[in-house]
N, C-alpha and C. Protein backbone atom coordinates (compact mmCIF):
# COMPACT_ATOMS: atom_id res chain seq x y z
N MET A 1 -19.45 -23.57 52.96
CA MET A 1 -18.65 -23.01 51.89
C MET A 1 -19.57 -22.26 50.92
N ALA A 2 -19.25 -21.03 50.70
CA ALA A 2 -20.08 -20.18 49.85
C ALA A 2 -19.80 -20.47 48.38
N LYS A 3 -20.86 -20.48 47.59
CA LYS A 3 -20.72 -20.69 46.15
C LYS A 3 -20.32 -19.39 45.49
N LYS A 4 -19.44 -19.52 44.49
CA LYS A 4 -19.07 -18.33 43.72
C LYS A 4 -20.19 -18.04 42.74
N ARG A 5 -20.53 -16.80 42.65
CA ARG A 5 -21.55 -16.38 41.69
C ARG A 5 -20.89 -16.10 40.35
N LYS A 6 -21.48 -16.64 39.33
CA LYS A 6 -20.99 -16.35 37.99
C LYS A 6 -21.43 -14.96 37.59
N ARG A 7 -20.50 -14.24 37.03
CA ARG A 7 -20.84 -12.92 36.52
C ARG A 7 -21.36 -13.08 35.10
N LEU A 8 -22.48 -12.55 34.86
CA LEU A 8 -23.03 -12.57 33.52
C LEU A 8 -22.54 -11.35 32.76
N ARG A 9 -22.07 -11.60 31.58
CA ARG A 9 -21.62 -10.48 30.74
C ARG A 9 -22.80 -9.97 29.95
N THR A 10 -22.84 -8.69 29.85
CA THR A 10 -23.89 -8.10 29.04
C THR A 10 -23.28 -7.62 27.74
N VAL A 11 -24.08 -7.61 26.73
CA VAL A 11 -23.62 -7.20 25.41
C VAL A 11 -23.13 -5.76 25.44
N GLU A 12 -23.74 -4.95 26.25
CA GLU A 12 -23.35 -3.53 26.29
C GLU A 12 -21.91 -3.35 26.74
N LYS A 13 -21.39 -4.26 27.56
CA LYS A 13 -20.03 -4.11 28.07
C LYS A 13 -18.98 -4.67 27.12
N LEU A 14 -19.39 -5.45 26.14
CA LEU A 14 -18.45 -6.01 25.20
C LEU A 14 -18.12 -4.98 24.12
N SER A 15 -16.91 -5.06 23.63
CA SER A 15 -16.53 -4.16 22.55
C SER A 15 -15.85 -4.97 21.45
N THR A 16 -15.74 -4.37 20.30
CA THR A 16 -15.06 -5.04 19.20
C THR A 16 -13.56 -4.81 19.33
N LEU A 17 -12.81 -5.61 18.61
CA LEU A 17 -11.36 -5.42 18.58
C LEU A 17 -11.03 -4.03 18.03
N ASP A 18 -11.77 -3.61 17.01
CA ASP A 18 -11.55 -2.26 16.46
C ASP A 18 -11.74 -1.18 17.51
N ASP A 19 -12.80 -1.32 18.32
CA ASP A 19 -13.06 -0.34 19.38
C ASP A 19 -11.92 -0.34 20.40
N PHE A 20 -11.48 -1.53 20.78
CA PHE A 20 -10.39 -1.64 21.76
C PHE A 20 -9.12 -0.99 21.22
N LEU A 21 -8.75 -1.33 19.98
CA LEU A 21 -7.54 -0.77 19.39
C LEU A 21 -7.64 0.74 19.24
N ALA A 22 -8.81 1.24 18.89
CA ALA A 22 -9.00 2.68 18.77
C ALA A 22 -8.82 3.35 20.12
N THR A 23 -9.38 2.74 21.16
CA THR A 23 -9.24 3.28 22.51
C THR A 23 -7.78 3.34 22.93
N GLU A 24 -7.02 2.32 22.55
CA GLU A 24 -5.60 2.25 22.89
C GLU A 24 -4.72 3.09 21.96
N GLY A 25 -5.32 3.66 20.92
CA GLY A 25 -4.56 4.46 19.97
C GLY A 25 -3.70 3.63 19.04
N LYS A 26 -4.09 2.38 18.81
CA LYS A 26 -3.28 1.47 18.00
C LYS A 26 -3.98 0.99 16.72
N ARG A 27 -5.18 1.43 16.47
CA ARG A 27 -5.95 0.90 15.35
C ARG A 27 -5.26 1.14 14.00
N GLU A 28 -4.82 2.34 13.74
CA GLU A 28 -4.19 2.65 12.46
C GLU A 28 -2.93 1.83 12.26
N GLU A 29 -2.16 1.66 13.32
CA GLU A 29 -0.92 0.88 13.24
C GLU A 29 -1.23 -0.57 12.86
N PHE A 30 -2.23 -1.16 13.50
CA PHE A 30 -2.58 -2.54 13.21
C PHE A 30 -3.20 -2.69 11.83
N GLU A 31 -3.95 -1.71 11.39
CA GLU A 31 -4.52 -1.75 10.04
C GLU A 31 -3.42 -1.71 8.99
N ALA A 32 -2.42 -0.86 9.21
CA ALA A 32 -1.31 -0.74 8.27
C ALA A 32 -0.55 -2.06 8.16
N VAL A 33 -0.32 -2.71 9.29
CA VAL A 33 0.38 -3.99 9.29
C VAL A 33 -0.46 -5.04 8.56
N ALA A 34 -1.75 -5.04 8.81
CA ALA A 34 -2.64 -6.02 8.16
C ALA A 34 -2.67 -5.83 6.65
N ILE A 35 -2.71 -4.60 6.21
CA ILE A 35 -2.71 -4.31 4.78
C ILE A 35 -1.41 -4.79 4.15
N LYS A 36 -0.28 -4.50 4.79
CA LYS A 36 1.02 -4.93 4.27
C LYS A 36 1.11 -6.44 4.22
N GLU A 37 0.58 -7.13 5.24
CA GLU A 37 0.60 -8.59 5.26
C GLU A 37 -0.17 -9.16 4.06
N VAL A 38 -1.31 -8.59 3.78
CA VAL A 38 -2.13 -9.07 2.66
C VAL A 38 -1.42 -8.80 1.33
N LEU A 39 -0.85 -7.61 1.17
CA LEU A 39 -0.15 -7.30 -0.07
C LEU A 39 1.05 -8.22 -0.28
N ALA A 40 1.82 -8.45 0.77
CA ALA A 40 2.99 -9.34 0.68
C ALA A 40 2.55 -10.74 0.30
N TRP A 41 1.47 -11.21 0.90
CA TRP A 41 0.94 -12.55 0.60
C TRP A 41 0.48 -12.63 -0.85
N GLN A 42 -0.24 -11.60 -1.31
CA GLN A 42 -0.74 -11.61 -2.69
C GLN A 42 0.41 -11.61 -3.70
N ILE A 43 1.44 -10.85 -3.45
CA ILE A 43 2.59 -10.83 -4.35
C ILE A 43 3.30 -12.18 -4.33
N ALA A 44 3.48 -12.75 -3.15
CA ALA A 44 4.12 -14.07 -3.04
C ALA A 44 3.32 -15.14 -3.78
N GLU A 45 2.00 -15.10 -3.66
CA GLU A 45 1.15 -16.07 -4.36
C GLU A 45 1.23 -15.89 -5.87
N ALA A 46 1.27 -14.66 -6.33
CA ALA A 46 1.40 -14.40 -7.76
C ALA A 46 2.76 -14.85 -8.27
N MET A 47 3.79 -14.69 -7.44
CA MET A 47 5.12 -15.18 -7.82
C MET A 47 5.10 -16.70 -7.98
N LYS A 48 4.46 -17.39 -7.04
CA LYS A 48 4.35 -18.86 -7.14
C LYS A 48 3.60 -19.27 -8.40
N ALA A 49 2.50 -18.60 -8.67
CA ALA A 49 1.69 -18.92 -9.84
C ALA A 49 2.49 -18.73 -11.13
N ASN A 50 3.37 -17.75 -11.13
CA ASN A 50 4.19 -17.46 -12.31
C ASN A 50 5.56 -18.14 -12.26
N LYS A 51 5.76 -18.98 -11.23
CA LYS A 51 7.04 -19.68 -11.04
C LYS A 51 8.20 -18.68 -11.09
N LEU A 52 8.05 -17.63 -10.30
CA LEU A 52 9.01 -16.53 -10.30
C LEU A 52 9.73 -16.49 -8.95
N SER A 53 11.05 -16.61 -8.97
CA SER A 53 11.83 -16.56 -7.73
C SER A 53 12.05 -15.12 -7.28
N ARG A 54 12.50 -14.97 -6.07
CA ARG A 54 12.83 -13.62 -5.57
C ARG A 54 13.93 -13.00 -6.40
N ASN A 55 14.90 -13.82 -6.75
CA ASN A 55 16.02 -13.34 -7.54
C ASN A 55 15.55 -12.85 -8.91
N ARG A 56 14.67 -13.63 -9.54
CA ARG A 56 14.17 -13.25 -10.87
C ARG A 56 13.30 -11.99 -10.79
N LEU A 57 12.47 -11.89 -9.74
CA LEU A 57 11.66 -10.68 -9.56
C LEU A 57 12.56 -9.47 -9.38
N ALA A 58 13.62 -9.61 -8.60
CA ALA A 58 14.56 -8.51 -8.40
C ALA A 58 15.18 -8.08 -9.73
N GLN A 59 15.54 -9.06 -10.56
CA GLN A 59 16.11 -8.72 -11.87
C GLN A 59 15.11 -7.98 -12.73
N ARG A 60 13.88 -8.46 -12.75
CA ARG A 60 12.84 -7.80 -13.55
C ARG A 60 12.58 -6.37 -13.07
N MET A 61 12.63 -6.18 -11.76
CA MET A 61 12.35 -4.85 -11.20
C MET A 61 13.59 -3.97 -11.19
N LYS A 62 14.73 -4.54 -11.58
CA LYS A 62 16.00 -3.82 -11.55
C LYS A 62 16.30 -3.28 -10.15
N THR A 63 16.20 -4.20 -9.19
CA THR A 63 16.46 -3.87 -7.79
C THR A 63 17.21 -5.03 -7.15
N SER A 64 17.46 -4.91 -5.87
CA SER A 64 18.21 -5.95 -5.16
C SER A 64 17.27 -7.02 -4.59
N ARG A 65 17.85 -8.18 -4.34
CA ARG A 65 17.09 -9.26 -3.73
C ARG A 65 16.68 -8.87 -2.30
N SER A 66 17.50 -8.09 -1.62
CA SER A 66 17.14 -7.65 -0.26
C SER A 66 15.92 -6.73 -0.29
N GLN A 67 15.78 -5.94 -1.35
CA GLN A 67 14.59 -5.09 -1.50
C GLN A 67 13.35 -5.97 -1.67
N ILE A 68 13.47 -7.06 -2.41
CA ILE A 68 12.36 -8.00 -2.58
C ILE A 68 12.04 -8.64 -1.24
N GLY A 69 13.07 -8.94 -0.47
CA GLY A 69 12.85 -9.49 0.87
C GLY A 69 12.04 -8.54 1.74
N ARG A 70 12.35 -7.26 1.69
CA ARG A 70 11.58 -6.26 2.45
C ARG A 70 10.15 -6.16 1.93
N LEU A 71 10.01 -6.24 0.61
CA LEU A 71 8.70 -6.17 -0.01
C LEU A 71 7.82 -7.34 0.46
N LEU A 72 8.39 -8.52 0.57
CA LEU A 72 7.63 -9.71 0.95
C LEU A 72 7.56 -9.95 2.45
N ASP A 73 8.27 -9.14 3.22
CA ASP A 73 8.24 -9.26 4.68
C ASP A 73 6.96 -8.60 5.20
N PRO A 74 6.03 -9.39 5.75
CA PRO A 74 4.75 -8.81 6.17
C PRO A 74 4.89 -7.79 7.31
N LYS A 75 5.99 -7.83 8.04
CA LYS A 75 6.16 -6.90 9.16
C LYS A 75 6.88 -5.62 8.77
N ASP A 76 7.46 -5.59 7.59
CA ASP A 76 8.20 -4.40 7.14
C ASP A 76 7.24 -3.50 6.36
N GLY A 77 6.77 -2.46 6.99
CA GLY A 77 5.81 -1.56 6.37
C GLY A 77 6.44 -0.45 5.57
N ASN A 78 7.76 -0.45 5.48
CA ASN A 78 8.47 0.65 4.83
C ASN A 78 8.70 0.35 3.35
N VAL A 79 7.61 0.23 2.60
CA VAL A 79 7.68 -0.03 1.17
C VAL A 79 6.87 1.06 0.47
N THR A 80 7.43 1.60 -0.59
CA THR A 80 6.74 2.70 -1.27
C THR A 80 5.65 2.17 -2.19
N LEU A 81 4.71 3.03 -2.51
CA LEU A 81 3.66 2.67 -3.46
C LEU A 81 4.25 2.37 -4.83
N ASN A 82 5.27 3.10 -5.19
CA ASN A 82 5.94 2.86 -6.47
C ASN A 82 6.50 1.44 -6.54
N THR A 83 7.13 0.99 -5.47
CA THR A 83 7.68 -0.36 -5.42
C THR A 83 6.57 -1.39 -5.51
N LEU A 84 5.47 -1.16 -4.79
CA LEU A 84 4.33 -2.07 -4.84
C LEU A 84 3.75 -2.14 -6.25
N GLN A 85 3.64 -0.99 -6.91
CA GLN A 85 3.11 -0.95 -8.28
C GLN A 85 4.02 -1.72 -9.24
N ARG A 86 5.32 -1.51 -9.14
CA ARG A 86 6.26 -2.19 -10.02
C ARG A 86 6.22 -3.69 -9.79
N ALA A 87 6.18 -4.11 -8.53
CA ALA A 87 6.13 -5.54 -8.22
C ALA A 87 4.84 -6.16 -8.76
N ALA A 88 3.74 -5.48 -8.57
CA ALA A 88 2.45 -5.99 -9.07
C ALA A 88 2.52 -6.17 -10.59
N LYS A 89 3.07 -5.20 -11.28
CA LYS A 89 3.17 -5.28 -12.73
C LYS A 89 4.04 -6.47 -13.16
N MET A 90 5.12 -6.71 -12.44
CA MET A 90 6.05 -7.79 -12.79
C MET A 90 5.45 -9.17 -12.57
N VAL A 91 4.42 -9.26 -11.73
CA VAL A 91 3.77 -10.56 -11.50
C VAL A 91 2.42 -10.64 -12.21
N GLY A 92 2.20 -9.69 -13.12
CA GLY A 92 0.99 -9.71 -13.93
C GLY A 92 -0.26 -9.19 -13.24
N ARG A 93 -0.07 -8.37 -12.27
CA ARG A 93 -1.20 -7.79 -11.54
C ARG A 93 -1.11 -6.27 -11.60
N SER A 94 -2.11 -5.61 -11.01
CA SER A 94 -2.04 -4.16 -10.85
C SER A 94 -2.41 -3.84 -9.41
N LEU A 95 -1.93 -2.70 -8.97
CA LEU A 95 -2.21 -2.24 -7.61
C LEU A 95 -3.36 -1.26 -7.67
N ARG A 96 -4.36 -1.49 -6.83
CA ARG A 96 -5.49 -0.58 -6.78
C ARG A 96 -5.67 -0.12 -5.34
N LEU A 97 -5.68 1.17 -5.15
CA LEU A 97 -5.89 1.77 -3.83
C LEU A 97 -7.20 2.56 -3.86
N GLU A 98 -7.89 2.55 -2.76
CA GLU A 98 -9.09 3.38 -2.69
C GLU A 98 -9.32 3.84 -1.25
N LEU A 99 -9.91 4.98 -1.14
CA LEU A 99 -10.31 5.49 0.16
C LEU A 99 -11.75 5.09 0.38
N VAL A 100 -12.03 4.56 1.55
CA VAL A 100 -13.40 4.14 1.85
C VAL A 100 -13.89 4.84 3.09
């Protein structure tokens, strides 16, 4: 019975997740989702710290509770910068964007 030879991986053949996603044409899409997830989490945490419900945040922002649901949904990337800025202000934060 012949022994199976283990294949040794070389560092040169390994790639990063970023490289893989770029090759597949999906990097920007995944980055956008990741950014939205972080923003939604940060707003939710600030709401908890301020003991602010979704309903109360909606009232402060003069919008609907369903809009707040979209804002806090990490998979819903269809939120405007204006909405993010208003939400940040209502939870005592500010929104800062930068190009790197």
